Amino acid sequence: MKYPDLEGFGYQFSRGEISLGTKIYTAITGVSLAQPTTNAGIFGTRPWPIGQTEGDMELGEGTITFSDEAERQRFLDDLGDGYRSKTWKLTWILTSKGRPNIKFAAYGCKVNDDPVEHERGEEALGGDVTFSFLSFTRNGKAPHEGMPNPG
């Protein structure tokens, strides 16, 4: 059951696209990702920090949920043999009526896992693809100034 957003505050997942060359895949119902920055303290001659470093970012990790198993399979097939070695770009948009869209992009993505979980039932089969990525943007803004995006 969907509850109305009476105050108009809520954003919703609008659409997601995976770009692979000239092909685009859109049967995506959800995306999650994380790429935290790990900061370290800068110390002088005293035992307390006097500042922070810019920090380090490892590869980010995420999950794409496909609503259609056929679309997930087409995506993996089109990546070809060695599909976990190929890179691609992911974009998705959040929308809210009367508010500006929020656009996300993940660059240098690679498949890490494509788990299989099939069962009988009325619902259509979909599936997840977990991935790593080099960098991401929110509305075109990178998390660190000067950070390249190999888009």
Protein backbone atom coordinates (compact mmCIF):
# COMPACT_ATOMS: atom_id res chain seq x y z
CA MET A 1 0.00 0.00 0.00
CA LYS A 2 1.36 3.39 -0.97
CA TYR A 3 0.76 6.28 1.40
CA PRO A 4 0.26 9.76 -0.04
CA ASP A 5 3.00 12.31 0.47
CA LEU A 6 0.71 15.08 1.75
CA GLU A 7 3.49 17.54 2.44
CA GLY A 8 5.36 16.93 -0.82
CA PHE A 9 8.69 16.22 0.88
CA GLY A 10 9.42 12.71 -0.35
CA TYR A 11 11.67 11.86 -3.26
CA GLN A 12 11.06 8.66 -5.21
CA PHE A 13 13.31 6.50 -7.36
CA SER A 14 12.24 7.59 -10.83
CA ARG A 15 14.43 5.70 -13.27
CA GLY A 16 17.81 4.13 -13.60
CA GLU A 17 19.94 3.49 -16.67
CA ILE A 18 23.05 1.47 -17.31
CA SER A 19 25.03 2.69 -20.32
CA LEU A 20 27.13 0.14 -22.15
CA GLY A 21 28.40 1.63 -25.39
CA THR A 22 25.29 2.52 -27.38
CA LYS A 23 23.01 0.21 -25.37
CA ILE A 24 20.91 1.35 -22.42
CA TYR A 25 19.24 -0.92 -19.84
CA THR A 26 16.30 0.48 -17.87
CA ALA A 27 14.50 -2.38 -16.04
CA ILE A 28 15.98 -1.16 -12.76
CA THR A 29 13.87 -0.80 -9.61
CA GLY A 30 16.53 0.18 -7.12
CA VAL A 31 20.15 1.20 -6.63
CA SER A 32 22.26 1.40 -3.52
CA LEU A 33 25.91 2.42 -3.24
CA ALA A 34 28.50 3.63 -0.78
CA GLN A 35 32.00 5.03 -1.05
CA PRO A 36 33.03 6.43 2.31
CA THR A 37 35.98 8.70 2.92
CA THR A 38 38.30 7.65 5.73
CA ASN A 39 39.92 10.67 7.35
CA ALA A 40 43.03 10.69 9.55
CA GLY A 41 44.20 13.22 12.10
CA ILE A 42 47.15 15.55 11.64
CA PHE A 43 49.24 15.73 14.80
CA GLY A 44 51.90 18.10 16.03
CA THR A 45 53.90 17.75 19.25
CA ARG A 46 50.76 17.38 21.40
CA PRO A 47 48.61 14.24 21.78
CA TRP A 48 45.49 15.77 20.19
CA PRO A 49 44.84 16.36 16.50
CA ILE A 50 45.39 19.81 15.05
CA GLY A 51 43.65 19.06 11.74
CA GLN A 52 42.35 16.40 9.39
CA THR A 53 43.69 14.95 6.18
CA GLU A 54 41.62 15.11 3.01
CA GLY A 55 41.07 11.39 3.52
CA ASP A 56 41.22 8.26 1.41
CA MET A 57 38.51 6.63 -0.67
CA GLU A 58 38.63 2.97 -1.62
CA LEU A 59 36.58 1.52 -4.46
CA GLY A 60 32.89 2.09 -3.90
CA GLU A 61 30.41 -0.79 -3.73
CA GLY A 62 26.79 -0.96 -4.76
CA THR A 63 23.82 -3.07 -5.78
CA ILE A 64 21.45 -2.73 -8.73
CA THR A 65 18.06 -4.44 -8.52
CA PHE A 66 16.63 -5.44 -11.89
CA SER A 67 12.86 -5.91 -12.14
CA ASP A 68 13.25 -8.28 -15.08
CA GLU A 69 15.59 -11.29 -15.17
CA ALA A 70 15.69 -11.09 -18.99
CA GLU A 71 17.04 -7.51 -18.83
CA ARG A 72 19.64 -8.50 -16.25
CA GLN A 73 20.72 -11.40 -18.48
CA ARG A 74 20.85 -9.17 -21.59
CA PHE A 75 23.09 -6.76 -19.70
CA LEU A 76 25.47 -9.55 -18.62
CA ASP A 77 25.39 -11.13 -22.12
CA ASP A 78 26.20 -7.79 -23.75
CA LEU A 79 29.18 -7.33 -21.43
CA GLY A 80 30.43 -10.56 -23.01
CA ASP A 81 32.87 -13.21 -21.92
CA GLY A 82 34.78 -12.00 -18.87
CA TYR A 83 31.82 -9.76 -17.97
CA ARG A 84 33.20 -9.06 -14.50
CA SER A 85 36.23 -7.36 -16.11
CA LYS A 86 34.31 -4.85 -18.28
CA THR A 87 33.52 -1.30 -17.16
CA TRP A 88 30.28 0.65 -17.59
CA LYS A 89 28.44 3.71 -16.26
CA LEU A 90 25.29 3.82 -14.13
CA THR A 91 22.94 6.81 -13.73
CA TRP A 92 19.70 7.20 -11.82
CA ILE A 93 17.32 9.98 -10.92
CA LEU A 94 15.20 10.80 -7.89
CA THR A 95 12.08 12.88 -8.46
CA SER A 96 9.60 14.72 -6.27
CA LYS A 97 6.65 16.73 -7.56
CA GLY A 98 7.47 20.43 -7.60
CA ARG A 99 11.08 19.89 -6.57
CA PRO A 100 14.26 19.64 -8.66
CA ASN A 101 15.40 16.20 -9.77
CA ILE A 102 18.47 14.68 -8.11
CA LYS A 103 20.75 12.85 -10.56
CA PHE A 104 23.38 10.32 -9.50
CA ALA A 105 26.10 8.77 -11.65
CA ALA A 106 28.63 6.04 -10.86
CA TYR A 107 31.70 5.76 -13.09
CA GLY A 108 34.09 2.92 -13.86
CA CYS A 109 31.63 0.27 -12.64
CA LYS A 110 32.46 -3.46 -12.72
CA VAL A 111 30.24 -6.42 -11.83
CA ASN A 112 31.32 -8.15 -8.61
CA ASP A 113 28.50 -10.68 -8.30
CA ASP A 114 25.25 -11.66 -9.97
CA PRO A 115 23.62 -14.00 -7.43
CA VAL A 116 20.93 -16.41 -8.56
CA GLU A 117 17.78 -16.69 -6.45
CA HIS A 118 14.89 -18.12 -8.44
CA GLU A 119 11.62 -19.53 -7.10
CA ARG A 120 8.13 -20.33 -8.28
CA GLY A 121 5.40 -17.80 -7.79
CA GLU A 122 3.26 -15.13 -9.37
CA GLU A 123 5.85 -12.37 -9.22
CA ALA A 124 8.18 -11.84 -12.16
CA LEU A 125 11.75 -12.91 -11.62
CA GLY A 126 14.28 -10.16 -11.26
CA GLY A 127 17.66 -10.10 -9.64
CA ASP A 128 20.55 -8.14 -8.23
CA VAL A 129 23.96 -7.27 -9.60
CA THR A 130 26.55 -6.12 -7.09
CA PHE A 131 29.31 -3.88 -8.43
CA SER A 132 32.35 -1.83 -7.56
CA PHE A 133 33.02 1.64 -8.97
CA LEU A 134 35.76 4.25 -9.12
CA SER A 135 33.80 7.42 -8.39
CA PHE A 136 30.33 8.95 -8.32
CA THR A 137 28.57 12.30 -8.58
CA ARG A 138 25.38 13.82 -7.15
CA ASN A 139 23.95 16.42 -9.53
CA GLY A 140 27.33 16.56 -11.21
CA LYS A 141 29.22 17.27 -7.98
CA ALA A 142 32.07 14.96 -6.92
CA PRO A 143 32.59 14.20 -3.21
CA HIS A 144 36.11 15.69 -3.29
CA GLU A 145 37.25 18.78 -5.17
CA GLY A 146 39.25 18.00 -8.30
CA MET A 147 38.20 14.34 -8.29
CA PRO A 148 38.25 12.93 -11.84
CA ASN A 149 35.27 11.02 -13.21
CA PRO A 150 36.28 8.57 -15.92
CA GLY A 151 32.87 8.87 -17.55
